[in-house]
């Protein structure tokens, strides 16, 4: 839950949400966490009616390193921090089984 996030984790969640707002006018677009992580791997990309820029990517990398997590939105818990090692495994598994998670 958001109230359980540390200051660094909230900064990451807020920045991810800002990208969602800018690109889709939605506070947390479905599968945002997968699309943004994929951009960390593959680089800038079109997302909604804007772009995930290299500057966004640099900030996401810095914020996730500071927080030592990635943020996943859970329908019941809201914004939830996941350890980076666990997130990387989850990302690989989930996108292998459901590649549509990467569509923006």
PDB file of N, CA and C in Angstrom:
ATOM      1  N   UNK A   1       0.838  -1.180   0.000  1.00  0.00           N
ATOM      2  CA  UNK A   1       0.000   0.000   0.000  1.00  0.00           C
ATOM      3  C   UNK A   1       0.883   1.243   0.000  1.00  0.00           C
ATOM      4  N   UNK A   2       0.365   2.299  -0.559  1.00  0.00           N
ATOM      5  CA  UNK A   2       1.116   3.535  -0.662  1.00  0.00           C
ATOM      6  C   UNK A   2       1.617   4.009   0.705  1.00  0.00           C
ATOM      7  N   UNK A   3       0.795   3.877   1.727  1.00  0.00           N
ATOM      8  CA  UNK A   3       1.197   4.341   3.054  1.00  0.00           C
ATOM      9  C   UNK A   3       2.370   3.535   3.596  1.00  0.00           C
ATOM     10  N   UNK A   4       2.601   2.351   3.058  1.00  0.00           N
ATOM     11  CA  UNK A   4       3.701   1.499   3.505  1.00  0.00           C
ATOM     12  C   UNK A   4       4.999   1.770   2.753  1.00  0.00           C
ATOM     13  N   UNK A   5       4.960   2.621   1.735  1.00  0.00           N
ATOM     14  CA  UNK A   5       6.152   2.895   0.941  1.00  0.00           C
ATOM     15  C   UNK A   5       7.072   3.870   1.663  1.00  0.00           C
ATOM     16  N   UNK A   6       8.372   3.654   1.489  1.00  0.00           N
ATOM     17  CA  UNK A   6       9.355   4.598   2.025  1.00  0.00           C
ATOM     18  C   UNK A   6       9.326   5.876   1.172  1.00  0.00           C
ATOM     19  N   UNK A   7      10.022   6.887   1.607  1.00  0.00           N
ATOM     20  CA  UNK A   7      10.098   8.140   0.853  1.00  0.00           C
ATOM     21  C   UNK A   7      10.633   7.890  -0.558  1.00  0.00           C
ATOM     22  N   UNK A   8      11.697   7.105  -0.678  1.00  0.00           N
ATOM     23  CA  UNK A   8      12.288   6.810  -1.985  1.00  0.00           C
ATOM     24  C   UNK A   8      11.320   6.019  -2.855  1.00  0.00           C
ATOM     25  N   UNK A   9      10.621   5.080  -2.270  1.00  0.00           N
ATOM     26  CA  UNK A   9       9.648   4.282  -3.021  1.00  0.00           C
ATOM     27  C   UNK A   9       8.492   5.158  -3.505  1.00  0.00           C
ATOM     28  N   UNK A  10       8.039   6.086  -2.678  1.00  0.00           N
ATOM     29  CA  UNK A  10       6.974   7.012  -3.092  1.00  0.00           C
ATOM     30  C   UNK A  10       7.440   7.916  -4.228  1.00  0.00           C
ATOM     31  N   UNK A  11       8.699   8.348  -4.181  1.00  0.00           N
ATOM     32  CA  UNK A  11       9.231   9.177  -5.267  1.00  0.00           C
ATOM     33  C   UNK A  11       9.189   8.407  -6.587  1.00  0.00           C
ATOM     34  N   UNK A  12       9.574   7.143  -6.563  1.00  0.00           N
ATOM     35  CA  UNK A  12       9.523   6.309  -7.761  1.00  0.00           C
ATOM     36  C   UNK A  12       8.082   6.130  -8.221  1.00  0.00           C
ATOM     37  N   UNK A  13       7.189   5.796  -7.304  1.00  0.00           N
ATOM     38  CA  UNK A  13       5.773   5.617  -7.660  1.00  0.00           C
ATOM     39  C   UNK A  13       5.197   6.897  -8.252  1.00  0.00           C
ATOM     40  N   UNK A  14       5.518   8.036  -7.661  1.00  0.00           N
ATOM     41  CA  UNK A  14       5.008   9.317  -8.172  1.00  0.00           C
ATOM     42  C   UNK A  14       5.537   9.608  -9.570  1.00  0.00           C
ATOM     43  N   UNK A  15       6.805   9.316  -9.809  1.00  0.00           N
ATOM     44  CA  UNK A  15       7.376   9.581 -11.132  1.00  0.00           C
ATOM     45  C   UNK A  15       6.747   8.665 -12.180  1.00  0.00           C
ATOM     46  N   UNK A  16       6.545   7.398 -11.829  1.00  0.00           N
ATOM     47  CA  UNK A  16       5.893   6.468 -12.752  1.00  0.00           C
ATOM     48  C   UNK A  16       4.481   6.963 -13.065  1.00  0.00           C
ATOM     49  N   UNK A  17       3.768   7.402 -12.051  1.00  0.00           N
ATOM     50  CA  UNK A  17       2.417   7.937 -12.232  1.00  0.00           C
ATOM     51  C   UNK A  17       2.425   9.195 -13.092  1.00  0.00           C
ATOM     52  N   UNK A  18       3.434  10.045 -12.907  1.00  0.00           N
ATOM     53  CA  UNK A  18       3.548  11.266 -13.722  1.00  0.00           C
ATOM     54  C   UNK A  18       3.682  10.921 -15.202  1.00  0.00           C
ATOM     55  N   UNK A  19       4.462   9.901 -15.516  1.00  0.00           N
ATOM     56  CA  UNK A  19       4.609   9.472 -16.916  1.00  0.00           C
ATOM     57  C   UNK A  19       3.265   8.979 -17.443  1.00  0.00           C
ATOM     58  N   UNK A  20       2.555   8.201 -16.643  1.00  0.00           N
ATOM     59  CA  UNK A  20       1.233   7.710 -17.042  1.00  0.00           C
ATOM     60  C   UNK A  20       0.280   8.870 -17.309  1.00  0.00           C
ATOM     61  N   UNK A  21       0.279   9.854 -16.424  1.00  0.00           N
ATOM     62  CA  UNK A  21      -0.584  11.042 -16.605  1.00  0.00           C
ATOM     63  C   UNK A  21      -0.228  11.792 -17.880  1.00  0.00           C
ATOM     64  N   UNK A  22       1.057  11.983 -18.102  1.00  0.00           N
ATOM     65  CA  UNK A  22       1.513  12.732 -19.272  1.00  0.00           C
ATOM     66  C   UNK A  22       1.153  12.013 -20.584  1.00  0.00           C
ATOM     67  N   UNK A  23       1.292  10.717 -20.577  1.00  0.00           N
ATOM     68  CA  UNK A  23       1.119   9.952 -21.817  1.00  0.00           C
ATOM     69  C   UNK A  23      -0.312   9.473 -22.046  1.00  0.00           C
ATOM     70  N   UNK A  24      -1.072   9.260 -20.978  1.00  0.00           N
ATOM     71  CA  UNK A  24      -2.419   8.695 -21.109  1.00  0.00           C
ATOM     72  C   UNK A  24      -3.490   9.435 -20.317  1.00  0.00           C
ATOM     73  N   UNK A  25      -3.124  10.474 -19.597  1.00  0.00           N
ATOM     74  CA  UNK A  25      -4.082  11.179 -18.720  1.00  0.00           C
ATOM     75  C   UNK A  25      -4.749  10.208 -17.746  1.00  0.00           C
ATOM     76  N   UNK A  26      -3.958   9.276 -17.247  1.00  0.00           N
ATOM     77  CA  UNK A  26      -4.424   8.278 -16.276  1.00  0.00           C
ATOM     78  C   UNK A  26      -3.372   8.172 -15.185  1.00  0.00           C
ATOM     79  N   UNK A  27      -3.792   8.120 -13.943  1.00  0.00           N
ATOM     80  CA  UNK A  27      -2.809   8.096 -12.857  1.00  0.00           C
ATOM     81  C   UNK A  27      -1.941   6.834 -12.862  1.00  0.00           C
ATOM     82  N   UNK A  28      -2.501   5.718 -13.325  1.00  0.00           N
ATOM     83  CA  UNK A  28      -1.706   4.497 -13.447  1.00  0.00           C
ATOM     84  C   UNK A  28      -2.321   3.647 -14.551  1.00  0.00           C
ATOM     85  N   UNK A  29      -1.805   3.805 -15.760  1.00  0.00           N
ATOM     86  CA  UNK A  29      -2.306   3.053 -16.909  1.00  0.00           C
ATOM     87  C   UNK A  29      -2.049   1.557 -16.685  1.00  0.00           C
ATOM     88  N   UNK A  30      -2.953   0.724 -17.144  1.00  0.00           N
ATOM     89  CA  UNK A  30      -2.784  -0.729 -17.009  1.00  0.00           C
ATOM     90  C   UNK A  30      -1.428  -1.153 -17.561  1.00  0.00           C
ATOM     91  N   UNK A  31      -0.719  -1.960 -16.801  1.00  0.00           N
ATOM     92  CA  UNK A  31       0.576  -2.533 -17.173  1.00  0.00           C
ATOM     93  C   UNK A  31       1.704  -1.506 -17.274  1.00  0.00           C
ATOM     94  N   UNK A  32       1.502  -0.329 -16.699  1.00  0.00           N
ATOM     95  CA  UNK A  32       2.521   0.716 -16.725  1.00  0.00           C
ATOM     96  C   UNK A  32       3.873   0.199 -16.268  1.00  0.00           C
ATOM     97  N   UNK A  33       3.898  -0.569 -15.193  1.00  0.00           N
ATOM     98  CA  UNK A  33       5.161  -1.046 -14.643  1.00  0.00           C
ATOM     99  C   UNK A  33       5.939  -1.891 -15.639  1.00  0.00           C
ATOM    100  N   UNK A  34       5.222  -2.664 -16.471  1.00  0.00           N
ATOM    101  CA  UNK A  34       5.877  -3.503 -17.474  1.00  0.00           C
ATOM    102  C   UNK A  34       6.408  -2.658 -18.630  1.00  0.00           C
ATOM    103  N   UNK A  35       5.618  -1.723 -19.091  1.00  0.00           N
ATOM    104  CA  UNK A  35       6.024  -0.861 -20.204  1.00  0.00           C
ATOM    105  C   UNK A  35       7.244  -0.032 -19.807  1.00  0.00           C
ATOM    106  N   UNK A  36       7.216   0.547 -18.609  1.00  0.00           N
ATOM    107  CA  UNK A  36       8.337   1.373 -18.178  1.00  0.00           C
ATOM    108  C   UNK A  36       9.601   0.538 -17.992  1.00  0.00           C
ATOM    109  N   UNK A  37       9.470  -0.641 -17.392  1.00  0.00           N
ATOM    110  CA  UNK A  37      10.657  -1.491 -17.220  1.00  0.00           C
ATOM    111  C   UNK A  37      11.210  -1.904 -18.581  1.00  0.00           C
ATOM    112  N   UNK A  38      10.338  -2.228 -19.507  1.00  0.00           N
ATOM    113  CA  UNK A  38      10.781  -2.589 -20.852  1.00  0.00           C
ATOM    114  C   UNK A  38      11.545  -1.426 -21.492  1.00  0.00           C
ATOM    115  N   UNK A  39      11.117  -0.207 -21.222  1.00  0.00           N
ATOM    116  CA  UNK A  39      11.840   0.956 -21.745  1.00  0.00           C
ATOM    117  C   UNK A  39      13.226   1.082 -21.137  1.00  0.00           C
ATOM    118  N   UNK A  40      13.395   0.669 -19.891  1.00  0.00           N
ATOM    119  CA  UNK A  40      14.726   0.677 -19.293  1.00  0.00           C
ATOM    120  C   UNK A  40      15.662  -0.251 -20.063  1.00  0.00           C
ATOM    121  N   UNK A  41      15.100  -1.308 -20.610  1.00  0.00           N
ATOM    122  CA  UNK A  41      15.877  -2.307 -21.338  1.00  0.00           C
ATOM    123  C   UNK A  41      16.078  -1.903 -22.797  1.00  0.00           C
ATOM    124  N   UNK A  42      15.012  -1.405 -23.431  1.00  0.00           N
ATOM    125  CA  UNK A  42      15.043  -1.193 -24.888  1.00  0.00           C
ATOM    126  C   UNK A  42      15.213   0.261 -25.313  1.00  0.00           C
ATOM    127  N   UNK A  43      14.978   1.205 -24.413  1.00  0.00           N
ATOM    128  CA  UNK A  43      15.166   2.610 -24.752  1.00  0.00           C
ATOM    129  C   UNK A  43      13.856   3.355 -24.942  1.00  0.00           C
ATOM    130  N   UNK A  44      13.961   4.627 -25.350  1.00  0.00           N
ATOM    131  CA  UNK A  44      12.780   5.479 -25.521  1.00  0.00           C
ATOM    132  C   UNK A  44      11.754   4.851 -26.461  1.00  0.00           C
ATOM    133  N   UNK A  45      10.491   5.200 -26.236  1.00  0.00           N
ATOM    134  CA  UNK A  45       9.423   4.663 -27.079  1.00  0.00           C
ATOM    135  C   UNK A  45       8.195   5.555 -26.996  1.00  0.00           C
ATOM    136  N   UNK A  46       7.365   5.428 -28.002  1.00  0.00           N
ATOM    137  CA  UNK A  46       6.078   6.105 -27.981  1.00  0.00           C
ATOM    138  C   UNK A  46       5.210   5.403 -26.945  1.00  0.00           C
ATOM    139  N   UNK A  47       4.461   6.211 -26.206  1.00  0.00           N
ATOM    140  CA  UNK A  47       3.571   5.648 -25.193  1.00  0.00           C
ATOM    141  C   UNK A  47       2.362   6.560 -25.125  1.00  0.00           C
ATOM    142  N   UNK A  48       1.211   6.060 -25.544  1.00  0.00           N
ATOM    143  CA  UNK A  48       0.009   6.885 -25.578  1.00  0.00           C
ATOM    144  C   UNK A  48       0.194   8.045 -26.524  1.00  0.00           C
ATOM    145  N   UNK A  49      -0.102   9.250 -26.057  1.00  0.00           N
ATOM    146  CA  UNK A  49       0.020  10.416 -26.924  1.00  0.00           C
ATOM    147  C   UNK A  49       1.304  11.206 -26.664  1.00  0.00           C
ATOM    148  N   UNK A  50       2.294  10.553 -26.058  1.00  0.00           N
ATOM    149  CA  UNK A  50       3.589  11.199 -25.814  1.00  0.00           C
ATOM    150  C   UNK A  50       4.687  10.138 -25.927  1.00  0.00           C
ATOM    151  N   UNK A  51       5.827  10.403 -25.315  1.00  0.00           N
ATOM    152  CA  UNK A  51       6.971   9.505 -25.378  1.00  0.00           C
ATOM    153  C   UNK A  51       7.507   9.217 -23.981  1.00  0.00           C
ATOM    154  N   UNK A  52       8.065   8.032 -23.831  1.00  0.00           N
ATOM    155  CA  UNK A  52       8.932   7.752 -22.692  1.00  0.00           C
ATOM    156  C   UNK A  52      10.318   8.120 -23.195  1.00  0.00           C
ATOM    157  N   UNK A  53      10.880   9.166 -22.647  1.00  0.00           N
ATOM    158  CA  UNK A  53      12.129   9.738 -23.147  1.00  0.00           C
ATOM    159  C   UNK A  53      13.351   9.125 -22.455  1.00  0.00           C
ATOM    160  N   UNK A  54      14.502   9.422 -23.010  1.00  0.00           N
ATOM    161  CA  UNK A  54      15.739   8.981 -22.369  1.00  0.00           C
ATOM    162  C   UNK A  54      15.881   9.630 -20.995  1.00  0.00           C
ATOM    163  N   UNK A  55      15.417  10.860 -20.862  1.00  0.00           N
ATOM    164  CA  UNK A  55      15.459  11.522 -19.560  1.00  0.00           C
ATOM    165  C   UNK A  55      14.572  10.792 -18.544  1.00  0.00           C
ATOM    166  N   UNK A  56      13.389  10.352 -19.001  1.00  0.00           N
ATOM    167  CA  UNK A  56      12.507   9.552 -18.138  1.00  0.00           C
ATOM    168  C   UNK A  56      13.220   8.271 -17.699  1.00  0.00           C
ATOM    169  N   UNK A  57      13.844   7.620 -18.643  1.00  0.00           N
ATOM    170  CA  UNK A  57      14.540   6.354 -18.376  1.00  0.00           C
ATOM    171  C   UNK A  57      15.664   6.567 -17.367  1.00  0.00           C
ATOM    172  N   UNK A  58      16.446   7.631 -17.573  1.00  0.00           N
ATOM    173  CA  UNK A  58      17.538   7.920 -16.636  1.00  0.00           C
ATOM    174  C   UNK A  58      16.999   8.152 -15.222  1.00  0.00           C
ATOM    175  N   UNK A  59      15.905   8.895 -15.126  1.00  0.00           N
ATOM    176  CA  UNK A  59      15.299   9.170 -13.813  1.00  0.00           C
ATOM    177  C   UNK A  59      14.747   7.896 -13.190  1.00  0.00           C
ATOM    178  N   UNK A  60      14.085   7.056 -13.985  1.00  0.00           N
ATOM    179  CA  UNK A  60      13.548   5.793 -13.472  1.00  0.00           C
ATOM    180  C   UNK A  60      14.665   4.900 -12.944  1.00  0.00           C
ATOM    181  N   UNK A  61      15.768   4.834 -13.673  1.00  0.00           N
ATOM    182  CA  UNK A  61      16.903   4.025 -13.217  1.00  0.00           C
ATOM    183  C   UNK A  61      17.444   4.545 -11.894  1.00  0.00           C
ATOM    184  N   UNK A  62      17.610   5.845 -11.805  1.00  0.00           N
ATOM    185  CA  UNK A  62      18.146   6.442 -10.587  1.00  0.00           C
ATOM    186  C   UNK A  62      17.203   6.233  -9.399  1.00  0.00           C
ATOM    187  N   UNK A  63      15.910   6.496  -9.624  1.00  0.00           N
ATOM    188  CA  UNK A  63      14.932   6.362  -8.542  1.00  0.00           C
ATOM    189  C   UNK A  63      14.783   4.909  -8.084  1.00  0.00           C
ATOM    190  N   UNK A  64      14.772   3.980  -9.040  1.00  0.00           N
ATOM    191  CA  UNK A  64      14.620   2.567  -8.655  1.00  0.00           C
ATOM    192  C   UNK A  64      15.866   2.070  -7.928  1.00  0.00           C
ATOM    193  N   UNK A  65      17.028   2.572  -8.313  1.00  0.00           N
ATOM    194  CA  UNK A  65      18.252   2.188  -7.608  1.00  0.00           C
ATOM    195  C   UNK A  65      18.241   2.745  -6.184  1.00  0.00           C
ATOM    196  N   UNK A  66      17.834   4.001  -6.028  1.00  0.00           N
ATOM    197  CA  UNK A  66      17.766   4.604  -4.695  1.00  0.00           C
ATOM    198  C   UNK A  66      16.771   3.866  -3.801  1.00  0.00           C
ATOM    199  N   UNK A  67      15.643   3.459  -4.390  1.00  0.00           N
ATOM    200  CA  UNK A  67      14.600   2.776  -3.619  1.00  0.00           C
ATOM    201  C   UNK A  67      14.837   1.276  -3.502  1.00  0.00           C
ATOM    202  N   UNK A  68      15.749   0.756  -4.317  1.00  0.00           N
ATOM    203  CA  UNK A  68      16.017  -0.682  -4.407  1.00  0.00           C
ATOM    204  C   UNK A  68      14.731  -1.470  -4.628  1.00  0.00           C
ATOM    205  N   UNK A  69      13.907  -0.942  -5.543  1.00  0.00           N
ATOM    206  CA  UNK A  69      12.645  -1.628  -5.845  1.00  0.00           C
ATOM    207  C   UNK A  69      12.099  -1.143  -7.176  1.00  0.00           C
ATOM    208  N   UNK A  70      11.031  -1.784  -7.564  1.00  0.00           N
ATOM    209  CA  UNK A  70      10.180  -1.330  -8.662  1.00  0.00           C
ATOM    210  C   UNK A  70       8.779  -1.297  -8.092  1.00  0.00           C
ATOM    211  N   UNK A  71       7.922  -0.476  -8.677  1.00  0.00           N
ATOM    212  CA  UNK A  71       6.567  -0.349  -8.162  1.00  0.00           C
ATOM    213  C   UNK A  71       5.596  -1.077  -9.087  1.00  0.00           C
ATOM    214  N   UNK A  72       4.769  -1.913  -8.488  1.00  0.00           N
ATOM    215  CA  UNK A  72       3.716  -2.632  -9.212  1.00  0.00           C
ATOM    216  C   UNK A  72       2.393  -2.181  -8.632  1.00  0.00           C
ATOM    217  N   UNK A  73       1.424  -1.974  -9.503  1.00  0.00           N
ATOM    218  CA  UNK A  73       0.100  -1.601  -9.016  1.00  0.00           C
ATOM    219  C   UNK A  73      -0.716  -2.866  -8.807  1.00  0.00           C
ATOM    220  N   UNK A  74      -1.239  -3.016  -7.614  1.00  0.00           N
ATOM    221  CA  UNK A  74      -2.092  -4.142  -7.249  1.00  0.00           C
ATOM    222  C   UNK A  74      -3.501  -3.603  -7.045  1.00  0.00           C
ATOM    223  N   UNK A  75      -4.488  -4.234  -7.653  1.00  0.00           N
ATOM    224  CA  UNK A  75      -5.867  -3.771  -7.572  1.00  0.00           C
ATOM    225  C   UNK A  75      -6.404  -3.642  -6.159  1.00  0.00           C
ATOM    226  N   UNK A  76      -5.898  -4.445  -5.240  1.00  0.00           N
ATOM    227  CA  UNK A  76      -6.369  -4.398  -3.856  1.00  0.00           C
ATOM    228  C   UNK A  76      -5.469  -3.561  -2.956  1.00  0.00           C
ATOM    229  N   UNK A  77      -4.165  -3.615  -3.217  1.00  0.00           N
ATOM    230  CA  UNK A  77      -3.210  -2.943  -2.341  1.00  0.00           C
ATOM    231  C   UNK A  77      -2.732  -1.595  -2.872  1.00  0.00           C
ATOM    232  N   UNK A  78      -2.966  -1.340  -4.155  1.00  0.00           N
ATOM    233  CA  UNK A  78      -2.466  -0.108  -4.759  1.00  0.00           C
ATOM    234  C   UNK A  78      -0.994  -0.247  -5.128  1.00  0.00           C
ATOM    235  N   UNK A  79      -0.244   0.858  -5.009  1.00  0.00           N
ATOM    236  CA  UNK A  79       1.165   0.872  -5.375  1.00  0.00           C
ATOM    237  C   UNK A  79       1.964   0.058  -4.362  1.00  0.00           C
ATOM    238  N   UNK A  80       2.663  -0.948  -4.862  1.00  0.00           N
ATOM    239  CA  UNK A  80       3.373  -1.892  -4.014  1.00  0.00           C
ATOM    240  C   UNK A  80       4.820  -1.996  -4.472  1.00  0.00           C
ATOM    241  N   UNK A  81       5.758  -1.908  -3.534  1.00  0.00           N
ATOM    242  CA  UNK A  81       7.179  -2.032  -3.847  1.00  0.00           C
ATOM    243  C   UNK A  81       7.571  -3.498  -3.945  1.00  0.00           C
ATOM    244  N   UNK A  82       8.371  -3.810  -4.967  1.00  0.00           N
ATOM    245  CA  UNK A  82       8.897  -5.156  -5.160  1.00  0.00           C
ATOM    246  C   UNK A  82      10.411  -5.037  -5.289  1.00  0.00           C
ATOM    247  N   UNK A  83      11.139  -5.813  -4.522  1.00  0.00           N
ATOM    248  CA  UNK A  83      12.594  -5.853  -4.603  1.00  0.00           C
ATOM    249  C   UNK A  83      13.022  -6.018  -6.063  1.00  0.00           C
ATOM    250  N   UNK A  84      14.096  -5.340  -6.477  1.00  0.00           N
ATOM    251  CA  UNK A  84      14.510  -5.357  -7.888  1.00  0.00           C
ATOM    252  C   UNK A  84      14.820  -6.759  -8.404  1.00  0.00           C
ATOM    253  N   UNK A  85      15.472  -7.572  -7.608  1.00  0.00           N
ATOM    254  CA  UNK A  85      15.784  -8.936  -8.054  1.00  0.00           C
ATOM    255  C   UNK A  85      14.501  -9.723  -8.293  1.00  0.00           C
ATOM    256  N   UNK A  86      13.577  -9.619  -7.376  1.00  0.00           N
ATOM    257  CA  UNK A  86      12.283 -10.315  -7.518  1.00  0.00           C
ATOM    258  C   UNK A  86      11.516  -9.760  -8.717  1.00  0.00           C
ATOM    259  N   UNK A  87      11.529  -8.428  -8.877  1.00  0.00           N
ATOM    260  CA  UNK A  87      10.824  -7.814  -9.998  1.00  0.00           C
ATOM    261  C   UNK A  87      11.382  -8.285 -11.337  1.00  0.00           C
ATOM    262  N   UNK A  88      12.693  -8.359 -11.487  1.00  0.00           N
ATOM    263  CA  UNK A  88      13.289  -8.782 -12.756  1.00  0.00           C
ATOM    264  C   UNK A  88      12.841 -10.193 -13.127  1.00  0.00           C
ATOM    265  N   UNK A  89      12.790 -11.069 -12.153  1.00  0.00           N
ATOM    266  CA  UNK A  89      12.316 -12.445 -12.410  1.00  0.00           C
ATOM    267  C   UNK A  89      10.837 -12.434 -12.787  1.00  0.00           C
ATOM    268  N   UNK A  90      10.051 -11.649 -12.071  1.00  0.00           N
ATOM    269  CA  UNK A  90       8.618 -11.550 -12.353  1.00  0.00           C
ATOM    270  C   UNK A  90       8.390 -10.973 -13.749  1.00  0.00           C
ATOM    271  N   UNK A  91       9.116  -9.926 -14.090  1.00  0.00           N
ATOM    272  CA  UNK A  91       9.001  -9.302 -15.412  1.00  0.00           C
ATOM    273  C   UNK A  91       9.287 -10.323 -16.508  1.00  0.00           C
ATOM    274  N   UNK A  92      10.382 -11.056 -16.384  1.00  0.00           N
ATOM    275  CA  UNK A  92      10.733 -12.055 -17.397  1.00  0.00           C
ATOM    276  C   UNK A  92       9.656 -13.122 -17.525  1.00  0.00           C
ATOM    277  N   UNK A  93       9.213 -13.650 -16.417  1.00  0.00           N
ATOM    278  CA  UNK A  93       8.189 -14.691 -16.429  1.00  0.00           C
ATOM    279  C   UNK A  93       6.883 -14.169 -17.029  1.00  0.00           C
ATOM    280  N   UNK A  94       6.420 -13.027 -16.525  1.00  0.00           N
ATOM    281  CA  UNK A  94       5.126 -12.490 -16.954  1.00  0.00           C
ATOM    282  C   UNK A  94       5.121 -12.107 -18.426  1.00  0.00           C
ATOM    283  N   UNK A  95       6.180 -11.451 -18.895  1.00  0.00           N
ATOM    284  CA  UNK A  95       6.187 -11.004 -20.295  1.00  0.00           C
ATOM    285  C   UNK A  95       6.431 -12.161 -21.259  1.00  0.00           C
ATOM    286  N   UNK A  96       7.090 -13.200 -20.800  1.00  0.00           N
ATOM    287  CA  UNK A  96       7.248 -14.395 -21.635  1.00  0.00           C
ATOM    288  C   UNK A  96       5.890 -15.058 -21.842  1.00  0.00           C
ATOM    289  N   UNK A  97       5.102 -15.134 -20.780  1.00  0.00           N
ATOM    290  CA  UNK A  97       3.799 -15.784 -20.845  1.00  0.00           C
ATOM    291  C   UNK A  97       2.681 -14.882 -21.356  1.00  0.00           C
ATOM    292  N   UNK A  98       2.869 -13.572 -21.247  1.00  0.00           N
ATOM    293  CA  UNK A  98       1.849 -12.605 -21.695  1.00  0.00           C
ATOM    294  C   UNK A  98       2.526 -11.395 -22.335  1.00  0.00           C
ATOM    295  N   UNK A  99       3.039 -11.548 -23.559  1.00  0.00           N
ATOM    296  CA  UNK A  99       3.754 -10.438 -24.198  1.00  0.00           C
ATOM    297  C   UNK A  99       2.918  -9.186 -24.400  1.00  0.00           C
ATOM    298  N   UNK A 100       1.611  -9.313 -24.339  1.00  0.00           N
ATOM    299  CA  UNK A 100       0.739  -8.146 -24.490  1.00  0.00           C
ATOM    300  C   UNK A 100       0.907  -7.142 -23.348  1.00  0.00           C
ATOM    301  N   UNK A 101       1.549  -7.537 -22.260  1.00  0.00           N
ATOM    302  CA  UNK A 101       1.812  -6.624 -21.149  1.00  0.00           C
ATOM    303  C   UNK A 101       2.686  -5.450 -21.585  1.00  0.00           C
ATOM    304  N   UNK A 102       3.416  -5.618 -22.678  1.00  0.00           N
ATOM    305  CA  UNK A 102       4.355  -4.579 -23.126  1.00  0.00           C
ATOM    306  C   UNK A 102       3.730  -3.590 -24.090  1.00  0.00           C
ATOM    307  N   UNK A 103       2.495  -3.805 -24.458  1.00  0.00           N
ATOM    308  CA  UNK A 103       1.826  -2.856 -25.361  1.00  0.00           C
ATOM    309  C   UNK A 103       1.428  -1.615 -24.586  1.00  0.00           C
ATOM    310  N   UNK A 104       1.599  -0.492 -25.234  1.00  0.00           N
ATOM    311  CA  UNK A 104       1.231   0.758 -24.572  1.00  0.00           C
ATOM    312  C   UNK A 104       0.135   1.495 -25.260  1.00  0.00           C
TER     313      UNK A 104
END
